[in-house]
Amino acid sequence: MLSMTGYGRGEYRQGGIELTVEIKTVNNRYLDAAIKGPRIFNAYEDVIRGIVREKLTRGHADVYVSFTDKREKKRALYLDEGTASAYVDAARKVKNLFPDAVDNFSVTDILRYPDVIRTEDVPSADEQCLDALKITLSSALENLNGMRRTEGEKLKKDMLSRMDAIQKLVSEIAKRAPLVANGYKAKLEAKMQKALEGAGVDEGRLLTEVALFADKSNIDEELTRLNAHVSAFRAICKEELVGRKLDFLIQEFNRETNTICSKSNDLEVTRLALALKNEIEKIREQVQNVE
């Protein structure tokens, strides 16, 4: 079992390339990755997302890339022809205005003027940078999943302990349920005697009313399904990617418990069912953090 919350870091220091990748994840219904890094890797965002999808299926992931290139690398020289022409035209005008001035204007002078020549780094990542990025990202994801697996085991332990509490409550409801009809019969008989002022109670009518009540308030099917859900929950917890399955199963737990509450005509059954709903809600909150 994996938690959707975690942190992982990977580092690469070889051949003049220094690269760090950090990943932070939080719970989210679907997989969503936000990538923040130098522009040199902008063209490879799809590559980054593809590697992330291989390791994550749900959650929001923030991917931070830090990059320093200390290799000796080629630089491109860019000549701004417009700026150079403007300097030459200005020099000619000055020469016309001051024909007696010494003319020492040369090509070397033009190259020295601001913005005529600019140096530019190679604008995109090369194969070595891309390989370093893939290695570092994979390392960060492995570290992330190590932390998520540790957190997931803690979540599983907590949820299974609450599942033990749920099974105990279901057992207590099952013990109480058969007594509800008998209690209803005693109350109804007392009311009928009081209404009839001591006259004999029609036993046949009394039993009919009790039978109708017992049928209407019967929760055997709901209890059977709850026990089946408990077994299914424990089986699913043995898998790794369980979030969606458990999310659906918890909805079924709630459905059966709500039905028990609506059918209940007994204070003790209602109390136990509400305690059951409380445990289910605590598990539901935990399931939201599971991938």
Protein backbone atom coordinates (compact mmCIF):
# COMPACT_ATOMS: atom_id res chain seq x y z
CA MET A 1 0.00 0.00 0.00
CA LEU A 2 1.27 3.45 -0.95
CA SER A 3 0.44 6.81 0.59
CA MET A 4 -0.15 9.66 -1.87
CA THR A 5 1.86 12.02 0.33
CA GLY A 6 5.64 11.97 0.21
CA TYR A 7 8.95 13.56 -0.76
CA GLY A 8 11.86 12.31 -2.84
CA ARG A 9 15.19 13.79 -3.94
CA GLY A 10 17.74 12.73 -6.54
CA GLU A 11 21.18 14.18 -7.33
CA TYR A 12 23.60 13.87 -10.25
CA ARG A 13 27.23 15.11 -10.18
CA GLN A 14 29.25 13.87 -13.14
CA GLY A 15 31.22 15.32 -16.06
CA GLY A 16 30.58 18.92 -15.12
CA ILE A 17 26.81 18.44 -14.89
CA GLU A 18 25.18 19.17 -11.55
CA LEU A 19 21.51 18.29 -11.45
CA THR A 20 18.99 17.95 -8.60
CA VAL A 21 15.38 16.77 -8.80
CA GLU A 22 12.96 17.12 -5.89
CA ILE A 23 9.41 15.73 -5.91
CA LYS A 24 6.63 16.49 -3.44
CA THR A 25 3.29 14.72 -3.67
CA VAL A 26 -0.10 15.22 -2.02
CA ASN A 27 -3.41 13.44 -2.43
CA ASN A 28 -5.49 14.04 -5.54
CA ARG A 29 -8.19 12.01 -7.26
CA TYR A 30 -6.19 11.78 -10.50
CA LEU A 31 -2.50 12.09 -11.42
CA ASP A 32 -1.42 15.68 -11.93
CA ALA A 33 2.21 16.78 -12.32
CA ALA A 34 3.50 20.37 -12.17
CA ILE A 35 7.07 20.77 -13.47
CA LYS A 36 9.29 23.69 -12.49
CA GLY A 37 12.82 24.00 -13.82
CA PRO A 38 15.23 25.82 -16.17
CA ARG A 39 14.09 26.65 -19.69
CA ILE A 40 16.72 24.34 -21.11
CA PHE A 41 14.41 21.40 -20.28
CA ASN A 42 11.14 22.97 -21.49
CA ALA A 43 11.16 20.80 -24.63
CA TYR A 44 11.33 17.65 -22.49
CA GLU A 45 8.32 18.17 -20.21
CA ASP A 46 6.50 15.28 -21.91
CA VAL A 47 9.50 13.05 -21.21
CA ILE A 48 9.43 14.06 -17.54
CA ARG A 49 5.68 13.45 -17.29
CA GLY A 50 6.07 10.04 -18.93
CA ILE A 51 8.66 8.93 -16.37
CA VAL A 52 6.46 10.23 -13.52
CA ARG A 53 3.46 8.25 -14.88
CA GLU A 54 5.52 5.06 -14.76
CA LYS A 55 5.87 5.40 -10.98
CA LEU A 56 2.69 7.23 -9.90
CA THR A 57 -0.97 6.61 -10.71
CA ARG A 58 -2.74 9.15 -8.47
CA GLY A 59 -1.90 12.35 -6.60
CA HIS A 60 -0.59 15.83 -7.32
CA ALA A 61 3.19 15.92 -7.85
CA ASP A 62 5.37 19.03 -7.83
CA VAL A 63 8.63 18.33 -9.69
CA TYR A 64 11.49 20.80 -9.11
CA VAL A 65 14.57 20.60 -11.37
CA SER A 66 17.80 22.47 -10.53
CA PHE A 67 20.59 22.42 -13.14
CA THR A 68 24.16 23.76 -13.44
CA ASP A 69 26.38 23.05 -16.45
CA LYS A 70 30.11 23.45 -15.70
CA ARG A 71 31.33 21.78 -18.88
CA GLU A 72 33.37 23.60 -21.47
CA LYS A 73 30.82 24.26 -24.15
CA LYS A 74 30.53 26.00 -27.45
CA ARG A 75 29.23 29.52 -27.50
CA ALA A 76 27.59 31.13 -30.51
CA LEU A 77 28.48 34.69 -31.54
CA TYR A 78 25.57 36.79 -32.69
CA LEU A 79 26.16 39.92 -34.83
CA ASP A 80 23.45 42.54 -34.56
CA GLU A 81 23.77 43.98 -38.08
CA GLY A 82 21.30 46.77 -37.44
CA THR A 83 23.22 48.05 -34.44
CA ALA A 84 26.55 47.83 -36.31
CA SER A 85 25.11 49.76 -39.29
CA ALA A 86 23.81 52.45 -36.94
CA TYR A 87 27.30 52.93 -35.47
CA VAL A 88 28.87 53.16 -38.98
CA ASP A 89 26.27 55.70 -40.17
CA ALA A 90 26.84 57.78 -37.06
CA ALA A 91 30.63 57.72 -37.67
CA ARG A 92 30.18 58.90 -41.26
CA LYS A 93 27.99 61.80 -40.14
CA VAL A 94 30.58 62.83 -37.57
CA LYS A 95 33.28 62.67 -40.33
CA ASN A 96 31.18 64.93 -42.57
CA LEU A 97 30.62 67.40 -39.75
CA PHE A 98 34.29 67.46 -38.76
CA PRO A 99 36.36 66.73 -41.89
CA ASP A 100 39.59 67.85 -40.21
CA ALA A 101 39.23 65.39 -37.32
CA VAL A 102 41.56 62.39 -37.21
CA ASP A 103 39.71 59.31 -38.56
CA ASN A 104 40.71 56.23 -36.54
CA PHE A 105 37.36 54.42 -36.92
CA SER A 106 37.94 50.72 -37.72
CA VAL A 107 36.17 47.35 -37.81
CA THR A 108 37.76 46.50 -34.44
CA ASP A 109 36.17 49.61 -32.99
CA ILE A 110 32.74 48.55 -34.26
CA LEU A 111 33.06 45.11 -32.63
CA ARG A 112 33.81 46.77 -29.29
CA TYR A 113 30.68 48.87 -29.23
CA PRO A 114 27.81 47.69 -26.93
CA ASP A 115 25.30 45.15 -28.31
CA VAL A 116 27.07 44.69 -31.66
CA ILE A 117 28.35 41.23 -30.68
CA ARG A 118 26.62 38.97 -28.16
CA THR A 119 27.51 35.49 -26.95
CA GLU A 120 24.80 32.89 -26.54
CA ASP A 121 24.86 29.47 -24.94
CA VAL A 122 23.54 26.50 -26.87
CA PRO A 123 19.76 26.92 -26.20
CA SER A 124 18.66 23.31 -25.71
CA ALA A 125 19.73 20.36 -23.59
CA ASP A 126 22.04 17.86 -25.24
CA GLU A 127 21.90 14.08 -24.95
CA GLN A 128 24.19 14.02 -21.91
CA CYS A 129 21.95 16.49 -20.05
CA LEU A 130 18.83 14.53 -20.96
CA ASP A 131 20.36 11.24 -19.76
CA ALA A 132 21.37 12.92 -16.49
CA LEU A 133 17.83 14.23 -16.06
CA LYS A 134 16.29 10.78 -16.59
CA ILE A 135 18.68 9.15 -14.10
CA THR A 136 18.12 11.84 -11.46
CA LEU A 137 14.34 11.87 -11.90
CA SER A 138 14.17 8.07 -11.58
CA SER A 139 16.27 8.23 -8.41
CA ALA A 140 13.98 10.91 -6.93
CA LEU A 141 10.91 8.80 -7.75
CA GLU A 142 12.43 5.71 -6.13
CA ASN A 143 13.16 7.69 -2.96
CA LEU A 144 9.66 9.18 -3.09
CA ASN A 145 8.03 5.76 -3.36
CA GLY A 146 10.16 4.47 -0.51
CA MET A 147 8.74 7.15 1.75
CA ARG A 148 5.20 6.66 0.38
CA ARG A 149 5.42 2.93 1.01
CA THR A 150 6.49 3.52 4.62
CA GLU A 151 3.61 5.95 5.15
CA GLY A 152 1.25 3.55 3.40
CA GLU A 153 2.10 0.76 5.84
CA LYS A 154 1.24 3.07 8.72
CA LEU A 155 -2.09 3.93 7.10
CA LYS A 156 -2.83 0.24 6.50
CA LYS A 157 -2.11 -0.63 10.12
CA ASP A 158 -4.44 2.11 11.33
CA MET A 159 -7.25 1.20 8.93
CA LEU A 160 -7.07 -2.51 9.76
CA SER A 161 -7.27 -1.73 13.48
CA ARG A 162 -10.40 0.33 12.79
CA MET A 163 -11.74 -2.53 10.68
CA ASP A 164 -11.42 -4.76 13.77
CA ALA A 165 -13.54 -2.19 15.64
CA ILE A 166 -16.10 -2.22 12.81
CA GLN A 167 -16.36 -6.00 12.88
CA LYS A 168 -16.87 -5.91 16.64
CA LEU A 169 -19.70 -3.36 16.28
CA VAL A 170 -21.32 -5.45 13.53
CA SER A 171 -21.21 -8.48 15.85
CA GLU A 172 -22.81 -6.49 18.67
CA ILE A 173 -25.59 -5.29 16.34
CA ALA A 174 -26.13 -8.89 15.19
CA LYS A 175 -26.55 -10.00 18.83
CA ARG A 176 -28.96 -7.19 19.60
CA ALA A 177 -31.09 -7.44 16.44
CA PRO A 178 -33.10 -10.60 17.38
CA LEU A 179 -34.14 -9.01 20.68
CA VAL A 180 -35.69 -5.97 19.01
CA ALA A 181 -38.87 -7.80 17.92
CA ASN A 182 -39.38 -9.24 21.41
CA GLY A 183 -38.99 -5.81 22.94
CA TYR A 184 -41.45 -4.36 20.44
CA LYS A 185 -43.93 -7.15 21.28
CA ALA A 186 -43.75 -6.40 25.02
CA LYS A 187 -44.23 -2.64 24.46
CA LEU A 188 -47.11 -3.16 22.05
CA GLU A 189 -48.84 -5.61 24.39
CA ALA A 190 -48.53 -3.14 27.28
CA LYS A 191 -50.01 -0.36 25.15
CA MET A 192 -52.89 -2.55 24.00
CA GLN A 193 -53.72 -3.62 27.55
CA LYS A 194 -53.69 -0.04 28.70
CA ALA A 195 -55.90 1.01 25.81
CA LEU A 196 -58.32 -1.85 26.44
CA GLU A 197 -58.33 -1.11 30.18
CA GLY A 198 -57.49 -4.61 31.26
CA ALA A 199 -59.57 -6.48 28.70
CA GLY A 200 -58.04 -9.48 26.96
CA VAL A 201 -55.53 -8.80 24.22
CA ASP A 202 -56.13 -10.38 20.79
CA GLU A 203 -53.06 -12.59 20.62
CA GLY A 204 -53.47 -13.23 16.89
CA ARG A 205 -53.56 -9.50 16.08
CA LEU A 206 -50.60 -8.92 18.38
CA LEU A 207 -48.49 -11.59 16.67
CA THR A 208 -49.43 -10.21 13.23
CA GLU A 209 -48.27 -6.72 14.20
CA VAL A 210 -45.04 -8.11 15.65
CA ALA A 211 -44.41 -10.19 12.50
CA LEU A 212 -44.90 -7.13 10.27
CA PHE A 213 -42.55 -5.09 12.45
CA ALA A 214 -39.91 -7.84 12.46
CA ASP A 215 -40.03 -8.09 8.67
CA LYS A 216 -39.79 -4.33 8.21
CA SER A 217 -36.90 -3.93 10.64
CA ASN A 218 -34.97 -7.04 9.61
CA ILE A 219 -31.29 -6.20 8.99
CA ASP A 220 -29.88 -9.69 8.39
CA GLU A 221 -28.96 -8.91 4.77
CA GLU A 222 -27.21 -5.67 5.72
CA LEU A 223 -25.20 -7.44 8.44
CA THR A 224 -24.21 -10.22 6.03
CA ARG A 225 -23.01 -7.68 3.46
CA LEU A 226 -21.09 -5.74 6.11
CA ASN A 227 -19.24 -8.89 7.15
CA ALA A 228 -18.44 -9.58 3.49
CA HIS A 229 -17.17 -6.00 3.09
CA VAL A 230 -14.87 -6.44 6.10
CA SER A 231 -13.33 -9.55 4.51
CA ALA A 232 -12.98 -7.77 1.15
CA PHE A 233 -11.31 -4.76 2.80
CA ARG A 234 -8.69 -6.93 4.46
CA ALA A 235 -7.99 -8.77 1.20
CA ILE A 236 -7.60 -5.54 -0.79
CA CYS A 237 -5.15 -4.17 1.79
CA LYS A 238 -2.69 -6.88 0.76
CA GLU A 239 -2.36 -5.26 -2.67
CA GLU A 240 -0.22 -2.22 -3.52
CA LEU A 241 -2.53 0.09 -5.52
CA VAL A 242 -5.76 0.02 -3.54
CA GLY A 243 -7.08 3.60 -3.31
CA ARG A 244 -9.93 3.43 -5.83
CA LYS A 245 -11.06 -0.02 -4.67
CA LEU A 246 -11.14 1.00 -1.02
CA ASP A 247 -12.90 4.26 -1.87
CA PHE A 248 -15.72 2.32 -3.56
CA LEU A 249 -15.88 -0.24 -0.75
CA ILE A 250 -16.20 2.45 1.92
CA GLN A 251 -19.21 3.83 0.04
CA GLU A 252 -20.79 0.38 0.32
CA PHE A 253 -20.04 0.29 4.08
CA ASN A 254 -21.86 3.61 4.43
CA ARG A 255 -24.79 2.41 2.36
CA GLU A 256 -25.41 -0.66 4.52
CA THR A 257 -24.97 1.29 7.76
CA ASN A 258 -27.42 3.99 6.65
CA THR A 259 -29.97 1.28 5.87
CA ILE A 260 -29.53 -0.20 9.36
CA CYS A 261 -30.08 3.24 10.90
CA SER A 262 -33.24 3.79 8.85
CA LYS A 263 -34.67 0.38 9.78
CA SER A 264 -33.71 0.56 13.41
CA ASN A 265 -36.47 1.01 15.97
CA ASP A 266 -34.19 0.32 18.88
CA LEU A 267 -32.02 2.81 20.76
CA GLU A 268 -29.16 0.35 21.29
CA VAL A 269 -29.01 -0.67 17.61
CA THR A 270 -29.09 3.00 16.63
CA ARG A 271 -26.27 3.79 19.05
CA LEU A 272 -24.14 0.96 17.69
CA ALA A 273 -24.88 1.95 14.08
CA LEU A 274 -23.85 5.55 14.74
CA ALA A 275 -20.61 4.32 16.30
CA LEU A 276 -20.15 2.20 13.19
CA LYS A 277 -20.63 5.24 10.96
CA ASN A 278 -18.02 7.12 12.99
CA GLU A 279 -15.41 4.40 12.42
CA ILE A 280 -16.27 4.21 8.72
CA GLU A 281 -15.81 7.97 8.35
CA LYS A 282 -12.37 7.80 9.97
CA ILE A 283 -11.35 5.08 7.51
CA ARG A 284 -12.80 7.09 4.59
CA GLU A 285 -10.54 10.02 5.52
CA GLN A 286 -7.52 7.72 5.53
CA VAL A 287 -8.47 6.14 2.19
CA GLN A 288 -8.31 9.60 0.57
CA ASN A 289 -4.54 9.53 1.19
CA VAL A 290 -3.96 6.10 -0.38
CA GLU A 291 -2.88 5.58 -3.97
